[in-house]
Amino acid sequence: MSAGPAMDSGRAAEDGSQPGGIPPGLWAALLDDAEARTRMHEKVYRRGPGQCHYWLGALSSSGHGRGRVRLRVGAASASRPASVVVAPHIYLYQESRGLLRPLPDGSYPLIRHRCGEPSCLNPIHLAAGTAPDSAAGIAVRGAALPGADSRGAQGRAMAIRDAITSAIATGATAGEIEVAIEAATAAGVPAVQMALPFPGTIELPPGHHRGDVKVAAPAVSPLVIPSEQGELF
């Protein structure tokens, strides 16, 4: 993701992720504003530490979140608008790791998702990198989830968001919400691809099911230690 949020009109570019689109001083004010942090965090559906945490607000065409944060009256000025539309993953990445700094060429790192889910906001799934890094990650994932979803990035993110919000509205339990998330993520992906490893997630143990495919026990190769190598422990 590489375009920056616009501050004057309150509208962000479609992919909304270039940190350089907002001055460092304004980023610092946004991150330091308790109300802004609360507004951002209240739209995140959190799960287990190794699972994706999904954005429940507005989404861009690339499937990334879009959130409006407001500054305290005292923090706003002629050079600081009262509210700014930001990419939540950029906000939460900087909240957890500090302000991003420009690279030697003046550009800013791109924030990518290790899990491949653009609407995921789990800090441990977020990583700073360059355009080549992002391209390499896509090449490694290939046809694996979630890039192969026939609904596209935005359609997939919307389906996940709507499944969560609908389940919450009906008073569903955490377990029932997990079932809804699994159904939403699987809906746009052929069953054969559900068996592929999903980078950034915790693998299910043998005997469990991912979609319609049962997870098989991995083949175990015998460990052969050359006699001249000696003991390992």
C-alpha atoms as a PDB file:
ATOM      1  CA  MET A   1       0.000   0.000   0.000  1.00  0.00           C
ATOM      2  CA  SER A   2       1.447   3.313  -0.969  1.00  0.00           C
ATOM      3  CA  ALA A   3      -0.879   6.325  -1.162  1.00  0.00           C
ATOM      4  CA  GLY A   4      -1.447   8.856   1.559  1.00  0.00           C
ATOM      5  CA  PRO A   5      -4.515  10.203   3.284  1.00  0.00           C
ATOM      6  CA  ALA A   6      -5.695  13.668   2.337  1.00  0.00           C
ATOM      7  CA  MET A   7      -6.088  16.045   5.253  1.00  0.00           C
ATOM      8  CA  ASP A   8      -7.905  19.038   3.762  1.00  0.00           C
ATOM      9  CA  SER A   9     -11.034  17.335   2.485  1.00  0.00           C
ATOM     10  CA  GLY A  10     -11.063  14.508   5.016  1.00  0.00           C
ATOM     11  CA  ARG A  11     -10.917  12.014   2.154  1.00  0.00           C
ATOM     12  CA  ALA A  12      -8.156   9.469   1.843  1.00  0.00           C
ATOM     13  CA  ALA A  13      -6.676   7.977  -1.290  1.00  0.00           C
ATOM     14  CA  GLU A  14      -8.028   4.518  -2.080  1.00  0.00           C
ATOM     15  CA  ASP A  15      -5.119   2.554  -0.620  1.00  0.00           C
ATOM     16  CA  GLY A  16      -4.352   5.140   2.088  1.00  0.00           C
ATOM     17  CA  SER A  17      -1.053   3.851   3.439  1.00  0.00           C
ATOM     18  CA  GLN A  18       1.858   6.170   2.751  1.00  0.00           C
ATOM     19  CA  PRO A  19       2.844   7.610   6.143  1.00  0.00           C
ATOM     20  CA  GLY A  20       4.424  10.599   4.361  1.00  0.00           C
ATOM     21  CA  GLY A  21       0.918  11.764   3.500  1.00  0.00           C
ATOM     22  CA  ILE A  22       0.632  13.105   7.065  1.00  0.00           C
ATOM     23  CA  PRO A  23       3.396  15.223   8.639  1.00  0.00           C
ATOM     24  CA  PRO A  24       5.263  13.545  11.532  1.00  0.00           C
ATOM     25  CA  GLY A  25       4.056  16.207  13.946  1.00  0.00           C
ATOM     26  CA  LEU A  26       0.438  15.487  13.103  1.00  0.00           C
ATOM     27  CA  TRP A  27       1.024  11.739  13.364  1.00  0.00           C
ATOM     28  CA  ALA A  28       2.504  12.299  16.822  1.00  0.00           C
ATOM     29  CA  ALA A  29      -0.553  14.341  17.837  1.00  0.00           C
ATOM     30  CA  LEU A  30      -2.931  11.678  16.528  1.00  0.00           C
ATOM     31  CA  LEU A  31      -1.101   8.911  18.343  1.00  0.00           C
ATOM     32  CA  ASP A  32      -0.972  10.917  21.559  1.00  0.00           C
ATOM     33  CA  ASP A  33      -4.671  11.809  21.511  1.00  0.00           C
ATOM     34  CA  ALA A  34      -6.586   9.517  23.887  1.00  0.00           C
ATOM     35  CA  GLU A  35      -9.908  10.092  22.137  1.00  0.00           C
ATOM     36  CA  ALA A  36      -8.363   9.361  18.748  1.00  0.00           C
ATOM     37  CA  ARG A  37      -6.879   6.112  20.079  1.00  0.00           C
ATOM     38  CA  THR A  38     -10.206   5.092  21.588  1.00  0.00           C
ATOM     39  CA  ARG A  39     -12.045   5.813  18.347  1.00  0.00           C
ATOM     40  CA  MET A  40      -9.543   3.729  16.399  1.00  0.00           C
ATOM     41  CA  HIS A  41      -9.479   0.774  18.797  1.00  0.00           C
ATOM     42  CA  GLU A  42     -13.240   0.526  19.227  1.00  0.00           C
ATOM     43  CA  LYS A  43     -13.580  -0.548  15.593  1.00  0.00           C
ATOM     44  CA  VAL A  44     -11.155  -3.468  15.870  1.00  0.00           C
ATOM     45  CA  TYR A  45     -12.463  -6.979  16.541  1.00  0.00           C
ATOM     46  CA  ARG A  46      -9.732  -8.705  18.528  1.00  0.00           C
ATOM     47  CA  ARG A  47      -9.141 -12.444  18.704  1.00  0.00           C
ATOM     48  CA  GLY A  48      -6.312 -14.686  19.910  1.00  0.00           C
ATOM     49  CA  PRO A  49      -2.727 -13.354  19.826  1.00  0.00           C
ATOM     50  CA  GLY A  50      -1.826 -15.321  16.707  1.00  0.00           C
ATOM     51  CA  GLN A  51      -5.058 -14.627  14.832  1.00  0.00           C
ATOM     52  CA  CYS A  52      -6.117 -11.759  12.593  1.00  0.00           C
ATOM     53  CA  HIS A  53      -7.788  -8.798  14.308  1.00  0.00           C
ATOM     54  CA  TYR A  54     -10.307  -7.367  11.857  1.00  0.00           C
ATOM     55  CA  TRP A  55     -11.310  -3.771  11.125  1.00  0.00           C
ATOM     56  CA  LEU A  56     -15.065  -3.208  11.426  1.00  0.00           C
ATOM     57  CA  GLY A  57     -15.247   0.268   9.869  1.00  0.00           C
ATOM     58  CA  ALA A  58     -15.104   1.659   6.352  1.00  0.00           C
ATOM     59  CA  LEU A  59     -12.938  -0.147   3.789  1.00  0.00           C
ATOM     60  CA  SER A  60     -11.000   1.030   0.747  1.00  0.00           C
ATOM     61  CA  SER A  61     -11.059  -0.680  -2.651  1.00  0.00           C
ATOM     62  CA  SER A  62      -7.868  -2.508  -1.625  1.00  0.00           C
ATOM     63  CA  GLY A  63      -9.572  -3.976   1.450  1.00  0.00           C
ATOM     64  CA  HIS A  64      -7.668  -1.800   3.918  1.00  0.00           C
ATOM     65  CA  GLY A  65      -9.468   0.049   6.657  1.00  0.00           C
ATOM     66  CA  ARG A  66     -10.294   3.756   6.574  1.00  0.00           C
ATOM     67  CA  GLY A  67     -10.858   5.557   9.842  1.00  0.00           C
ATOM     68  CA  ARG A  68     -11.518   9.167  10.784  1.00  0.00           C
ATOM     69  CA  VAL A  69      -9.797  10.353  13.928  1.00  0.00           C
ATOM     70  CA  ARG A  70     -10.438  13.712  15.567  1.00  0.00           C
ATOM     71  CA  LEU A  71      -7.965  15.840  17.449  1.00  0.00           C
ATOM     72  CA  ARG A  72      -8.710  17.591  20.701  1.00  0.00           C
ATOM     73  CA  VAL A  73      -9.740  21.203  20.194  1.00  0.00           C
ATOM     74  CA  GLY A  74      -6.468  22.421  21.668  1.00  0.00           C
ATOM     75  CA  ALA A  75      -4.432  20.280  19.277  1.00  0.00           C
ATOM     76  CA  ALA A  76      -6.167  21.496  16.121  1.00  0.00           C
ATOM     77  CA  SER A  77      -4.869  24.626  14.419  1.00  0.00           C
ATOM     78  CA  ALA A  78      -4.557  26.272  11.020  1.00  0.00           C
ATOM     79  CA  SER A  79      -1.971  23.652  10.104  1.00  0.00           C
ATOM     80  CA  ARG A  80      -3.742  20.828  11.889  1.00  0.00           C
ATOM     81  CA  PRO A  81      -7.254  19.892  10.784  1.00  0.00           C
ATOM     82  CA  ALA A  82      -9.867  18.952  13.354  1.00  0.00           C
ATOM     83  CA  SER A  83     -10.122  15.447  11.889  1.00  0.00           C
ATOM     84  CA  VAL A  84      -8.046  13.264   9.600  1.00  0.00           C
ATOM     85  CA  VAL A  85      -8.829  10.112   7.615  1.00  0.00           C
ATOM     86  CA  VAL A  86      -6.051   7.593   8.167  1.00  0.00           C
ATOM     87  CA  ALA A  87      -5.307   3.983   7.353  1.00  0.00           C
ATOM     88  CA  PRO A  88      -5.847   2.071  10.631  1.00  0.00           C
ATOM     89  CA  HIS A  89      -3.004  -0.370   9.988  1.00  0.00           C
ATOM     90  CA  ILE A  90      -0.563   2.560   9.639  1.00  0.00           C
ATOM     91  CA  TYR A  91      -1.927   4.094  12.840  1.00  0.00           C
ATOM     92  CA  LEU A  92      -1.707   0.879  14.859  1.00  0.00           C
ATOM     93  CA  TYR A  93       1.706  -0.058  13.472  1.00  0.00           C
ATOM     94  CA  GLN A  94       3.126   3.269  14.634  1.00  0.00           C
ATOM     95  CA  GLU A  95       1.292   3.049  17.934  1.00  0.00           C
ATOM     96  CA  SER A  96       3.003  -0.268  18.662  1.00  0.00           C
ATOM     97  CA  ARG A  97       6.448   0.503  17.229  1.00  0.00           C
ATOM     98  CA  GLY A  98       6.843   4.277  17.099  1.00  0.00           C
ATOM     99  CA  LEU A  99       6.725   6.822  14.291  1.00  0.00           C
ATOM    100  CA  LEU A 100       7.932   5.627  10.919  1.00  0.00           C
ATOM    101  CA  ARG A 101      11.025   7.377   9.637  1.00  0.00           C
ATOM    102  CA  PRO A 102      11.819   8.123   5.993  1.00  0.00           C
ATOM    103  CA  LEU A 103      14.247   5.933   4.098  1.00  0.00           C
ATOM    104  CA  PRO A 104      17.506   7.394   2.684  1.00  0.00           C
ATOM    105  CA  ASP A 105      15.734   8.235  -0.584  1.00  0.00           C
ATOM    106  CA  GLY A 106      13.086  10.246   1.265  1.00  0.00           C
ATOM    107  CA  SER A 107      10.287   7.721   0.807  1.00  0.00           C
ATOM    108  CA  TYR A 108       8.575   5.928   3.667  1.00  0.00           C
ATOM    109  CA  PRO A 109       8.415   2.182   4.306  1.00  0.00           C
ATOM    110  CA  LEU A 110       5.294   0.377   3.206  1.00  0.00           C
ATOM    111  CA  ILE A 111       3.305  -1.388   5.889  1.00  0.00           C
ATOM    112  CA  ARG A 112       2.380  -4.857   4.703  1.00  0.00           C
ATOM    113  CA  HIS A 113       0.376  -7.677   6.225  1.00  0.00           C
ATOM    114  CA  ARG A 114       2.261 -10.899   6.908  1.00  0.00           C
ATOM    115  CA  CYS A 115      -1.071 -12.735   6.933  1.00  0.00           C
ATOM    116  CA  GLY A 116      -2.162 -11.308   3.589  1.00  0.00           C
ATOM    117  CA  GLU A 117      -5.413  -9.927   5.054  1.00  0.00           C
ATOM    118  CA  PRO A 118      -5.563  -6.182   4.264  1.00  0.00           C
ATOM    119  CA  SER A 119      -8.197  -5.547   6.945  1.00  0.00           C
ATOM    120  CA  CYS A 120      -6.142  -7.264   9.670  1.00  0.00           C
ATOM    121  CA  LEU A 121      -4.858  -5.000  12.449  1.00  0.00           C
ATOM    122  CA  ASN A 122      -3.016  -7.448  14.674  1.00  0.00           C
ATOM    123  CA  PRO A 123       0.294  -5.621  15.289  1.00  0.00           C
ATOM    124  CA  ILE A 124       2.318  -8.839  15.064  1.00  0.00           C
ATOM    125  CA  HIS A 125       0.922  -9.396  11.560  1.00  0.00           C
ATOM    126  CA  LEU A 126       2.121  -5.965  10.400  1.00  0.00           C
ATOM    127  CA  ALA A 127       5.617  -5.383   9.037  1.00  0.00           C
ATOM    128  CA  ALA A 128       7.447  -2.450   7.474  1.00  0.00           C
ATOM    129  CA  GLY A 129       9.129  -3.033   4.154  1.00  0.00           C
ATOM    130  CA  THR A 130       9.659  -1.782   0.621  1.00  0.00           C
ATOM    131  CA  ALA A 131       7.761  -2.318  -2.610  1.00  0.00           C
ATOM    132  CA  PRO A 132      10.098  -5.206  -3.598  1.00  0.00           C
ATOM    133  CA  ASP A 133       9.462  -6.797  -0.195  1.00  0.00           C
ATOM    134  CA  SER A 134       5.725  -6.650  -0.766  1.00  0.00           C
ATOM    135  CA  ALA A 135       6.056  -8.052  -4.276  1.00  0.00           C
ATOM    136  CA  ALA A 136       8.211 -10.910  -2.957  1.00  0.00           C
ATOM    137  CA  GLY A 137       5.608 -11.712  -0.319  1.00  0.00           C
ATOM    138  CA  ILE A 138       2.892 -11.905  -2.954  1.00  0.00           C
ATOM    139  CA  ALA A 139       5.080 -14.149  -5.105  1.00  0.00           C
ATOM    140  CA  VAL A 140       5.708 -16.501  -2.195  1.00  0.00           C
ATOM    141  CA  ARG A 141       2.008 -16.722  -1.331  1.00  0.00           C
ATOM    142  CA  GLY A 142       1.101 -17.295  -4.963  1.00  0.00           C
ATOM    143  CA  ALA A 143      -2.360 -18.811  -5.175  1.00  0.00           C
ATOM    144  CA  ALA A 144      -2.601 -19.314  -1.430  1.00  0.00           C
ATOM    145  CA  LEU A 145      -5.109 -17.586   0.788  1.00  0.00           C
ATOM    146  CA  PRO A 146      -6.333 -14.915   0.894  1.00  0.00           C
ATOM    147  CA  GLY A 147      -5.088 -13.476  -2.407  1.00  0.00           C
ATOM    148  CA  ALA A 148      -6.943 -16.098  -4.423  1.00  0.00           C
ATOM    149  CA  ASP A 149     -10.355 -15.023  -3.115  1.00  0.00           C
ATOM    150  CA  SER A 150     -12.700 -14.583  -6.070  1.00  0.00           C
ATOM    151  CA  ARG A 151     -14.393 -11.621  -4.365  1.00  0.00           C
ATOM    152  CA  GLY A 152     -11.267  -9.510  -4.462  1.00  0.00           C
ATOM    153  CA  ALA A 153      -9.595  -7.827  -1.493  1.00  0.00           C
ATOM    154  CA  GLN A 154     -12.423  -5.426  -0.744  1.00  0.00           C
ATOM    155  CA  GLY A 155     -15.150  -8.038  -1.198  1.00  0.00           C
ATOM    156  CA  ARG A 156     -13.353 -10.449   1.117  1.00  0.00           C
ATOM    157  CA  ALA A 157     -12.775  -7.778   3.767  1.00  0.00           C
ATOM    158  CA  MET A 158     -16.411  -6.652   3.579  1.00  0.00           C
ATOM    159  CA  ALA A 159     -17.652 -10.223   3.936  1.00  0.00           C
ATOM    160  CA  ILE A 160     -15.522 -10.767   7.048  1.00  0.00           C
ATOM    161  CA  ARG A 161     -16.543  -7.434   8.558  1.00  0.00           C
ATOM    162  CA  ASP A 162     -20.242  -7.994   7.892  1.00  0.00           C
ATOM    163  CA  ALA A 163     -20.100 -11.535   9.278  1.00  0.00           C
ATOM    164  CA  ILE A 164     -18.610 -10.270  12.532  1.00  0.00           C
ATOM    165  CA  THR A 165     -20.929  -7.295  12.966  1.00  0.00           C
ATOM    166  CA  SER A 166     -24.014  -9.373  12.127  1.00  0.00           C
ATOM    167  CA  ALA A 167     -23.013 -12.062  14.615  1.00  0.00           C
ATOM    168  CA  ILE A 168     -22.368  -9.483  17.334  1.00  0.00           C
ATOM    169  CA  ALA A 169     -25.745  -7.851  16.655  1.00  0.00           C
ATOM    170  CA  THR A 170     -27.525 -11.158  17.269  1.00  0.00           C
ATOM    171  CA  GLY A 171     -25.704 -11.725  20.564  1.00  0.00           C
ATOM    172  CA  ALA A 172     -23.531 -14.552  19.245  1.00  0.00           C
ATOM    173  CA  THR A 173     -20.902 -16.105  21.476  1.00  0.00           C
ATOM    174  CA  ALA A 174     -17.198 -15.817  20.715  1.00  0.00           C
ATOM    175  CA  GLY A 175     -17.262 -19.369  19.351  1.00  0.00           C
ATOM    176  CA  GLU A 176     -20.204 -18.589  17.084  1.00  0.00           C
ATOM    177  CA  ILE A 177     -18.437 -15.485  15.805  1.00  0.00           C
ATOM    178  CA  GLU A 178     -15.408 -17.646  14.956  1.00  0.00           C
ATOM    179  CA  VAL A 179     -17.657 -19.935  12.933  1.00  0.00           C
ATOM    180  CA  ALA A 180     -19.055 -16.903  11.100  1.00  0.00           C
ATOM    181  CA  ILE A 181     -15.530 -15.651  10.343  1.00  0.00           C
ATOM    182  CA  GLU A 182     -14.442 -19.049   9.048  1.00  0.00           C
ATOM    183  CA  ALA A 183     -17.484 -19.245   6.779  1.00  0.00           C
ATOM    184  CA  ALA A 184     -16.895 -15.721   5.455  1.00  0.00           C
ATOM    185  CA  THR A 185     -13.214 -16.313   4.722  1.00  0.00           C
ATOM    186  CA  ALA A 186     -13.870 -19.658   3.020  1.00  0.00           C
ATOM    187  CA  ALA A 187     -16.781 -18.500   0.862  1.00  0.00           C
ATOM    188  CA  GLY A 188     -14.669 -16.966  -1.891  1.00  0.00           C
ATOM    189  CA  VAL A 189     -11.952 -19.608  -2.035  1.00  0.00           C
ATOM    190  CA  PRO A 190     -12.116 -23.023  -3.746  1.00  0.00           C
ATOM    191  CA  ALA A 191     -12.047 -25.905  -1.281  1.00  0.00           C
ATOM    192  CA  VAL A 192      -8.802 -27.240  -2.734  1.00  0.00           C
ATOM    193  CA  GLN A 193      -7.031 -24.027  -1.729  1.00  0.00           C
ATOM    194  CA  MET A 194      -8.244 -24.245   1.841  1.00  0.00           C
ATOM    195  CA  ALA A 195      -5.625 -26.944   2.432  1.00  0.00           C
ATOM    196  CA  LEU A 196      -2.762 -24.602   1.547  1.00  0.00           C
ATOM    197  CA  PRO A 197      -0.705 -23.189   4.443  1.00  0.00           C
ATOM    198  CA  PHE A 198      -1.761 -19.643   5.358  1.00  0.00           C
ATOM    199  CA  PRO A 199       1.262 -17.435   6.172  1.00  0.00           C
ATOM    200  CA  GLY A 200       0.858 -15.519   9.414  1.00  0.00           C
ATOM    201  CA  THR A 201      -1.569 -17.867  11.156  1.00  0.00           C
ATOM    202  CA  ILE A 202      -1.203 -20.729  13.584  1.00  0.00           C
ATOM    203  CA  GLU A 203      -1.512 -24.062  11.819  1.00  0.00           C
ATOM    204  CA  LEU A 204      -4.398 -26.260  12.905  1.00  0.00           C
ATOM    205  CA  PRO A 205      -3.448 -29.564  14.545  1.00  0.00           C
ATOM    206  CA  PRO A 206      -3.945 -32.826  12.626  1.00  0.00           C
ATOM    207  CA  GLY A 207      -7.530 -34.043  12.608  1.00  0.00           C
ATOM    208  CA  HIS A 208      -9.054 -30.570  12.537  1.00  0.00           C
ATOM    209  CA  HIS A 209     -10.730 -29.120   9.478  1.00  0.00           C
ATOM    210  CA  ARG A 210      -9.924 -26.009   7.472  1.00  0.00           C
ATOM    211  CA  GLY A 211     -13.055 -25.410   5.461  1.00  0.00           C
ATOM    212  CA  ASP A 212     -14.043 -28.751   3.939  1.00  0.00           C
ATOM    213  CA  VAL A 213     -10.526 -30.178   4.054  1.00  0.00           C
ATOM    214  CA  LYS A 214      -9.234 -32.249   6.952  1.00  0.00           C
ATOM    215  CA  VAL A 215      -5.744 -31.344   8.122  1.00  0.00           C
ATOM    216  CA  ALA A 216      -3.512 -34.376   7.737  1.00  0.00           C
ATOM    217  CA  ALA A 217      -0.646 -35.252  10.039  1.00  0.00           C
ATOM    218  CA  PRO A 218       2.694 -34.140   8.536  1.00  0.00           C
ATOM    219  CA  ALA A 219       5.089 -36.782   7.337  1.00  0.00           C
ATOM    220  CA  VAL A 220       7.922 -37.272   9.792  1.00  0.00           C
ATOM    221  CA  SER A 221      11.377 -37.903   8.354  1.00  0.00           C
ATOM    222  CA  PRO A 222      13.878 -39.810  10.499  1.00  0.00           C
ATOM    223  CA  LEU A 223      16.755 -37.703  11.829  1.00  0.00           C
ATOM    224  CA  VAL A 224      20.091 -39.163  10.731  1.00  0.00           C
ATOM    225  CA  ILE A 225      23.177 -37.913  12.590  1.00  0.00           C
ATOM    226  CA  PRO A 226      26.569 -38.780  11.063  1.00  0.00           C
ATOM    227  CA  SER A 227      28.711 -40.684  13.554  1.00  0.00           C
ATOM    228  CA  GLU A 228      31.565 -38.209  13.208  1.00  0.00           C
ATOM    229  CA  GLN A 229      29.334 -35.294  14.169  1.00  0.00           C
ATOM    230  CA  GLY A 230      29.012 -36.394  17.787  1.00  0.00           C
ATOM    231  CA  GLU A 231      26.110 -35.568  20.086  1.00  0.00           C
ATOM    232  CA  LEU A 232      23.925 -32.526  19.474  1.00  0.00           C
ATOM    233  CA  PHE A 233      22.844 -31.981  23.098  1.00  0.00           C
END
